[in-house]
Amino acid sequence: MNLVAAIAEELAGAREVAIASHGLPDGDCIGSTLALAAALRRQGAAVTTIIGDPVPPMYRFLPGSEEVVLPHEIAALPPLLVVVDCTDLERVREGFGERRREVQRIINIDHHVSNSFFGDLNLVDPGAAATGELVYGILKEMGTAVDAPIATALYTALVTDTGSFQYENCRADTLRMAAELMDLGADMQLIREFLWESKPLLSLRLLAHVLSTLSLACGGKVAWVVIRQEVMVRLGAGPEHVEGLVNYPRSVAGVEVGLAFRELEDGMIKVALRSKKQVDVNEIAGLFGGGGHKRAAGCTIPGPLEAAVEKVVKAVEARLDCDGGLY
C-alpha cells in the first residue's frame, strides 16, 4: 500500500481527529486545514481544527474558519493528530511539541523541503505547489465527494502558495488541479473579493511606510524592507497586514533575493526570504534555524534589528559572491 492510500485508510476509519497547522497562518495552512476538516466531518468524525494564531480577516470567508481554536484552548488532544503545512510540531506554536505524548498517532502532511518527518506517517512532497495539493490527493483516494466549500478552500490554498500561479512551484499539474476545483464549484468571485479586492486601508498605510525603508546591496541583487515594532503599534497593524510585503523588494528589476525584516514585541526579528531563480533561500534560512522552500523561506533571529539585517544580508551576499557593502 502506498503512503497516500495508507493515510486515506487511516482517516477513513477515524472517529475523533485533531487537525493542526502553523501560527501566522496563510492561505495554504488555512485552506488545507479546513478542507480536510470538512471532509472528515462529513464522514461522521468529530474534528477539532487548531491553528497557531487567529485566522486573519481575509480568510474568514472560508466555511469552518469560525470553528478554529488556538493551541492553548485545547485541554486534551484526541488519539489521532493530523498536522498540515508544518515542518515540525513547534511551528504550530512554541511548546506544542510537548503535547506529542497526548496522542497515539501523528499524520504529517507537508510540502516544505525542510520538514523534519516527525509523524508516524509522513506525506512530505517538496514538489507539490501547496499542501492543499496533497490534501486533494488524499480526498480523492478516500473517495470523498469534493463539494463547493471544500473546492473553495483547496483553491485558496493553491492560489495563495503559487502567487496566483506565478511562482516557480506552479506546474502543469497545479493548473489541472485548479481547473478541476473550478469545475467542482470553487467560488472564484468570493476568493477574488476577499483575497485581492478587500485590502484594509491599514495594510496600504503600512505598505506606504515600509516601501520608504527599501534598501539594496550587492550591486542591486539584494533588496529588503524593515517593519519596526513601533510602526506596527502606531498604525495598529497586526501580522495579517504584513503578509506579502516581502514580494515588493523581490519584484525590483535586477534583484535576485528579496527580504523583509519584522521586529516582534519580544525583540526577536522575523525574516522572510524570497528569491527569483538562483539562490536557495531555504539553505540561508536554515543557517538561522528556519526553513521553507528553495524560493520562499523564513526564520526568526535575535535582534536588534540593525544587527539582524546585517547578518542575514551578509549570508545572502555570500551565496551571490558579492563584495559586500550596504547602501
Protein backbone atom coordinates (compact mmCIF):
# COMPACT_ATOMS: atom_id res chain seq x y z
CA MET A 1 0.00 0.00 0.00
CA ASN A 2 1.39 3.41 -0.92
CA LEU A 3 1.58 6.27 1.56
CA VAL A 4 -1.40 8.22 0.25
CA ALA A 5 -3.54 5.09 0.40
CA ALA A 6 -2.34 4.31 3.94
CA ILE A 7 -3.23 7.81 5.13
CA ALA A 8 -6.58 7.71 3.35
CA GLU A 9 -7.42 4.37 5.00
CA GLU A 10 -6.49 5.66 8.46
CA LEU A 11 -8.51 8.85 8.04
CA ALA A 12 -11.49 6.98 6.62
CA GLY A 13 -11.72 4.97 9.84
CA ALA A 14 -11.10 7.88 12.21
CA ARG A 15 -13.85 8.84 14.63
CA GLU A 16 -12.06 11.63 16.51
CA VAL A 17 -9.33 13.76 14.93
CA ALA A 18 -7.44 16.99 15.59
CA ILE A 19 -6.03 18.85 12.58
CA ALA A 20 -3.32 21.38 13.42
CA SER A 21 -1.36 23.93 11.42
CA HIS A 22 1.10 26.73 11.97
CA GLY A 23 0.98 30.16 13.55
CA LEU A 24 0.87 33.28 11.37
CA PRO A 25 -1.46 31.29 9.10
CA ASP A 26 -1.51 31.76 5.33
CA GLY A 27 -3.95 30.59 2.69
CA ASP A 28 -2.41 27.14 2.27
CA CYS A 29 -2.36 26.48 6.01
CA ILE A 30 -5.98 27.56 6.46
CA GLY A 31 -7.39 26.17 3.21
CA SER A 32 -5.77 22.75 3.68
CA THR A 33 -6.89 22.51 7.31
CA LEU A 34 -10.50 23.49 6.61
CA ALA A 35 -10.85 21.31 3.50
CA LEU A 36 -9.65 18.20 5.32
CA ALA A 37 -11.78 19.01 8.37
CA ALA A 38 -14.93 19.40 6.25
CA ALA A 39 -14.33 16.07 4.53
CA LEU A 40 -13.78 14.20 7.80
CA ARG A 41 -16.83 15.77 9.44
CA ARG A 42 -18.93 14.67 6.50
CA GLN A 43 -18.00 11.04 7.22
CA GLY A 44 -19.09 11.48 10.84
CA ALA A 45 -15.78 12.16 12.58
CA ALA A 46 -15.51 14.63 15.46
CA VAL A 47 -12.89 17.11 14.25
CA THR A 48 -11.04 19.84 16.13
CA THR A 49 -9.17 22.39 13.99
CA ILE A 50 -6.17 24.03 15.65
CA ILE A 51 -4.14 26.90 14.18
CA GLY A 52 -1.31 28.66 15.99
CA ASP A 53 -2.80 32.15 15.61
CA PRO A 54 -6.29 33.51 14.86
CA VAL A 55 -7.50 33.26 11.27
CA PRO A 56 -6.86 36.63 9.57
CA PRO A 57 -9.97 38.51 8.38
CA MET A 58 -9.09 37.95 4.72
CA TYR A 59 -9.58 34.18 5.14
CA ARG A 60 -12.69 34.21 7.32
CA PHE A 61 -14.93 33.75 4.29
CA LEU A 62 -13.92 30.07 4.27
CA PRO A 63 -16.54 27.79 5.86
CA GLY A 64 -15.28 26.32 9.10
CA SER A 65 -12.92 29.20 9.90
CA GLU A 66 -15.19 30.22 12.78
CA GLU A 67 -14.55 26.85 14.46
CA VAL A 68 -10.75 27.14 14.53
CA VAL A 69 -9.27 27.19 18.04
CA LEU A 70 -5.86 28.16 19.39
CA PRO A 71 -3.48 25.54 20.83
CA HIS A 72 -3.86 26.71 24.43
CA GLU A 73 -7.63 26.36 24.20
CA ILE A 74 -7.41 22.56 23.82
CA ALA A 75 -7.41 20.76 27.15
CA ALA A 76 -6.64 17.34 25.63
CA LEU A 77 -5.88 16.08 22.14
CA PRO A 78 -7.66 13.07 20.59
CA PRO A 79 -5.75 9.88 19.72
CA LEU A 80 -5.14 10.96 16.10
CA LEU A 81 -3.42 14.23 15.22
CA VAL A 82 -3.02 15.38 11.62
CA VAL A 83 -0.51 18.19 11.13
CA VAL A 84 -0.63 20.07 7.83
CA ASP A 85 1.82 22.53 6.27
CA CYS A 86 4.28 22.37 9.21
CA THR A 87 7.94 21.44 9.18
CA ASP A 88 7.74 20.39 12.83
CA LEU A 89 5.32 20.44 15.75
CA GLU A 90 6.81 23.62 17.18
CA ARG A 91 5.55 25.53 14.15
CA VAL A 92 2.00 25.04 15.40
CA ARG A 93 3.08 27.11 18.37
CA GLU A 94 6.13 27.06 20.65
CA GLY A 95 5.74 24.26 23.16
CA PHE A 96 3.22 22.29 21.09
CA GLY A 97 5.79 19.55 20.55
CA GLU A 98 5.46 18.61 24.21
CA ARG A 99 1.87 17.54 23.57
CA ARG A 100 3.00 14.70 21.34
CA ARG A 101 2.65 12.29 24.26
CA GLU A 102 -1.12 13.01 24.38
CA VAL A 103 -1.73 11.34 21.00
CA GLN A 104 -1.32 7.81 19.69
CA ARG A 105 -0.70 8.63 16.01
CA ILE A 106 0.53 11.63 14.05
CA ILE A 107 -0.02 12.08 10.33
CA ASN A 108 2.31 14.70 8.84
CA ILE A 109 1.21 16.27 5.52
CA ASP A 110 3.53 18.95 4.15
CA HIS A 111 5.39 20.27 1.11
CA HIS A 112 8.33 22.06 2.76
CA VAL A 113 11.77 20.71 1.90
CA SER A 114 12.87 21.42 5.50
CA ASN A 115 10.25 19.08 7.03
CA SER A 116 11.64 17.03 9.95
CA PHE A 117 9.49 13.92 9.30
CA PHE A 118 8.07 14.00 12.82
CA GLY A 119 4.97 11.89 12.14
CA ASP A 120 4.18 8.21 12.23
CA LEU A 121 3.04 8.65 8.61
CA ASN A 122 4.85 11.37 6.68
CA LEU A 123 3.46 12.56 3.36
CA VAL A 124 6.07 15.17 2.50
CA ASP A 125 6.42 16.26 -1.12
CA PRO A 126 8.54 19.38 -1.78
CA GLY A 127 7.47 19.15 -5.42
CA ALA A 128 3.87 19.96 -4.53
CA ALA A 129 2.97 23.59 -5.09
CA ALA A 130 0.91 23.66 -1.88
CA THR A 131 -0.04 21.32 0.92
CA GLY A 132 -3.55 21.68 -0.50
CA GLU A 133 -2.41 19.57 -3.46
CA LEU A 134 -1.56 16.71 -1.11
CA VAL A 135 -4.82 17.04 0.80
CA TYR A 136 -6.73 16.92 -2.50
CA GLY A 137 -4.92 13.71 -3.43
CA ILE A 138 -5.87 12.15 -0.09
CA LEU A 139 -9.52 13.13 -0.50
CA LYS A 140 -9.55 11.58 -3.96
CA GLU A 141 -8.06 8.38 -2.56
CA MET A 142 -10.75 8.35 0.15
CA GLY A 143 -13.44 8.72 -2.49
CA THR A 144 -14.66 11.94 -0.88
CA ALA A 145 -17.10 13.96 -2.95
CA VAL A 146 -15.49 17.41 -3.10
CA ASP A 147 -18.28 19.99 -2.84
CA ALA A 148 -18.10 23.74 -3.43
CA PRO A 149 -16.91 24.72 0.10
CA ILE A 150 -14.10 22.14 0.04
CA ALA A 151 -13.14 23.15 -3.52
CA THR A 152 -13.07 26.81 -2.45
CA ALA A 153 -10.78 26.04 0.49
CA LEU A 154 -8.40 23.97 -1.65
CA TYR A 155 -8.34 26.58 -4.44
CA THR A 156 -7.46 29.20 -1.81
CA ALA A 157 -4.57 27.01 -0.65
CA LEU A 158 -3.35 26.62 -4.21
CA VAL A 159 -3.70 30.20 -5.43
CA THR A 160 -2.02 31.77 -2.40
CA ASP A 161 1.01 29.46 -2.28
CA THR A 162 1.67 29.87 -6.01
CA GLY A 163 1.33 33.66 -6.01
CA SER A 164 -1.72 33.41 -8.25
CA PHE A 165 0.07 30.75 -10.31
CA GLN A 166 3.08 32.98 -10.97
CA TYR A 167 5.76 31.27 -8.85
CA GLU A 168 8.26 28.68 -9.97
CA ASN A 169 6.41 25.98 -8.00
CA CYS A 170 3.41 26.17 -10.37
CA ARG A 171 3.39 23.16 -12.69
CA ALA A 172 1.04 21.86 -15.35
CA ASP A 173 -0.49 19.52 -12.75
CA THR A 174 -1.10 22.53 -10.50
CA LEU A 175 -3.16 24.22 -13.19
CA ARG A 176 -5.02 20.99 -13.90
CA MET A 177 -5.95 20.77 -10.23
CA ALA A 178 -7.12 24.39 -10.27
CA ALA A 179 -9.34 23.64 -13.27
CA GLU A 180 -10.80 20.58 -11.52
CA LEU A 181 -11.58 22.66 -8.43
CA MET A 182 -13.30 25.27 -10.58
CA ASP A 183 -15.42 22.53 -12.14
CA LEU A 184 -16.26 21.30 -8.63
CA GLY A 185 -17.63 24.70 -7.64
CA ALA A 186 -14.77 26.73 -6.17
CA ASP A 187 -16.29 30.17 -5.57
CA MET A 188 -13.98 32.35 -7.66
CA GLN A 189 -15.91 35.54 -7.02
CA LEU A 190 -15.69 35.10 -3.26
CA ILE A 191 -11.99 34.23 -3.38
CA ARG A 192 -11.23 37.22 -5.60
CA GLU A 193 -13.22 39.60 -3.41
CA PHE A 194 -11.59 38.62 -0.13
CA LEU A 195 -8.02 37.99 -1.29
CA TRP A 196 -7.48 40.86 -3.71
CA GLU A 197 -10.37 43.32 -3.59
CA SER A 198 -10.83 43.91 0.15
CA LYS A 199 -7.45 45.26 1.27
CA PRO A 200 -7.76 47.03 4.63
CA LEU A 201 -6.77 50.68 4.44
CA LEU A 202 -4.33 49.92 7.25
CA SER A 203 -2.44 47.49 5.01
CA LEU A 204 -1.91 50.22 2.41
CA ARG A 205 -0.76 52.72 5.03
CA LEU A 206 1.74 50.16 6.32
CA LEU A 207 2.90 49.43 2.75
CA ALA A 208 3.48 53.15 2.14
CA HIS A 209 5.73 53.32 5.19
CA VAL A 210 7.54 50.04 4.51
CA LEU A 211 8.43 50.98 0.93
CA SER A 212 10.21 54.05 2.28
CA THR A 213 12.65 51.67 4.05
CA LEU A 214 13.66 49.85 0.84
CA SER A 215 17.43 49.23 0.75
CA LEU A 216 19.72 47.42 -1.67
CA ALA A 217 23.08 45.68 -1.60
CA CYS A 218 25.29 43.51 -3.78
CA GLY A 219 25.03 45.80 -6.78
CA GLY A 220 21.25 45.72 -6.61
CA LYS A 221 20.93 41.92 -6.40
CA VAL A 222 19.63 42.00 -2.81
CA ALA A 223 16.81 44.23 -1.59
CA TRP A 224 14.98 44.41 1.72
CA VAL A 225 12.46 46.32 3.77
CA VAL A 226 12.08 46.64 7.53
CA ILE A 227 8.96 46.80 9.68
CA ARG A 228 9.64 48.25 13.12
CA GLN A 229 7.50 47.33 16.09
CA GLU A 230 6.82 50.96 16.94
CA VAL A 231 5.34 51.47 13.47
CA MET A 232 3.13 48.41 13.89
CA VAL A 233 1.90 49.77 17.23
CA ARG A 234 1.41 53.31 15.96
CA LEU A 235 -0.65 52.15 12.99
CA GLY A 236 -2.47 49.44 14.92
CA ALA A 237 -1.22 46.81 12.47
CA GLY A 238 -1.16 43.05 13.05
CA PRO A 239 0.69 40.14 11.42
CA GLU A 240 -2.03 39.82 8.77
CA HIS A 241 -1.17 43.31 7.47
CA VAL A 242 2.44 42.25 6.84
CA GLU A 243 1.60 39.33 4.56
CA GLY A 244 3.07 39.74 1.08
CA LEU A 245 5.31 42.73 1.85
CA VAL A 246 8.44 40.70 1.07
CA ASN A 247 7.32 40.43 -2.55
CA TYR A 248 7.94 44.14 -3.12
CA PRO A 249 11.73 44.09 -2.69
CA ARG A 250 11.83 40.83 -4.65
CA SER A 251 9.97 42.48 -7.54
CA VAL A 252 12.63 45.15 -8.16
CA ALA A 253 14.38 44.75 -11.52
CA GLY A 254 17.79 43.12 -11.10
CA VAL A 255 17.07 41.79 -7.61
CA GLU A 256 17.66 38.08 -7.03
CA VAL A 257 16.80 37.94 -3.30
CA GLY A 258 14.16 40.00 -1.51
CA LEU A 259 13.94 40.17 2.27
CA ALA A 260 11.54 41.57 4.87
CA PHE A 261 12.59 42.07 8.49
CA ARG A 262 9.85 42.49 11.09
CA GLU A 263 10.61 43.45 14.65
CA LEU A 264 8.49 41.46 17.11
CA GLU A 265 7.22 42.52 20.53
CA ASP A 266 9.87 40.45 22.34
CA GLY A 267 12.72 41.98 20.35
CA MET A 268 13.17 38.99 18.06
CA ILE A 269 13.26 39.61 14.30
CA LYS A 270 11.10 37.61 11.89
CA VAL A 271 12.75 37.36 8.48
CA ALA A 272 11.01 36.47 5.22
CA LEU A 273 13.25 35.46 2.30
CA ARG A 274 12.29 35.19 -1.37
CA SER A 275 14.44 34.53 -4.45
CA LYS A 276 13.85 34.53 -8.19
CA LYS A 277 15.92 31.77 -9.80
CA GLN A 278 19.44 31.33 -8.40
CA VAL A 279 19.59 31.35 -4.61
CA ASP A 280 18.18 28.59 -2.40
CA VAL A 281 16.77 30.70 0.42
CA ASN A 282 15.79 27.58 2.36
CA GLU A 283 19.52 26.96 2.90
CA ILE A 284 20.02 30.52 4.12
CA ALA A 285 17.05 30.33 6.48
CA GLY A 286 18.45 27.04 7.75
CA LEU A 287 21.61 28.83 8.90
CA PHE A 288 19.41 30.71 11.34
CA GLY A 289 17.18 27.85 12.46
CA GLY A 290 14.44 28.41 9.89
CA GLY A 291 13.43 26.81 6.62
CA GLY A 292 10.81 26.56 3.91
CA HIS A 293 11.29 26.23 0.16
CA LYS A 294 14.08 26.99 -2.33
CA ARG A 295 12.38 30.23 -3.39
CA ALA A 296 10.48 31.12 -0.21
CA ALA A 297 11.61 30.62 3.37
CA GLY A 298 11.68 32.27 6.76
CA CYS A 299 13.38 32.34 10.13
CA THR A 300 13.26 34.19 13.44
CA ILE A 301 16.50 35.51 14.92
CA PRO A 302 17.55 37.68 17.86
CA GLY A 303 17.62 41.48 17.50
CA PRO A 304 18.47 44.25 17.47
CA LEU A 305 17.01 44.95 14.04
CA GLU A 306 20.11 46.53 12.51
CA ALA A 307 22.33 43.62 13.56
CA ALA A 308 19.84 41.10 12.22
CA VAL A 309 19.69 42.86 8.86
CA GLU A 310 23.47 42.93 8.54
CA LYS A 311 23.81 39.26 9.49
CA VAL A 312 21.22 37.95 7.04
CA VAL A 313 22.23 40.24 4.17
CA LYS A 314 25.83 39.06 4.54
CA ALA A 315 24.67 35.44 4.39
CA VAL A 316 22.77 36.21 1.18
CA GLU A 317 25.72 38.07 -0.31
CA ALA A 318 27.92 35.03 0.33
CA ARG A 319 25.61 32.96 -1.87
CA LEU A 320 25.80 35.60 -4.61
CA ASP A 321 29.59 36.02 -4.34
CA CYS A 322 29.25 39.74 -3.63
CA ASP A 323 31.97 42.02 -2.40
CA GLY A 324 29.69 43.38 0.31
CA GLY A 325 28.80 46.91 1.20
CA LEU A 326 25.31 48.06 2.12
CA TYR A 327 23.73 51.15 0.65
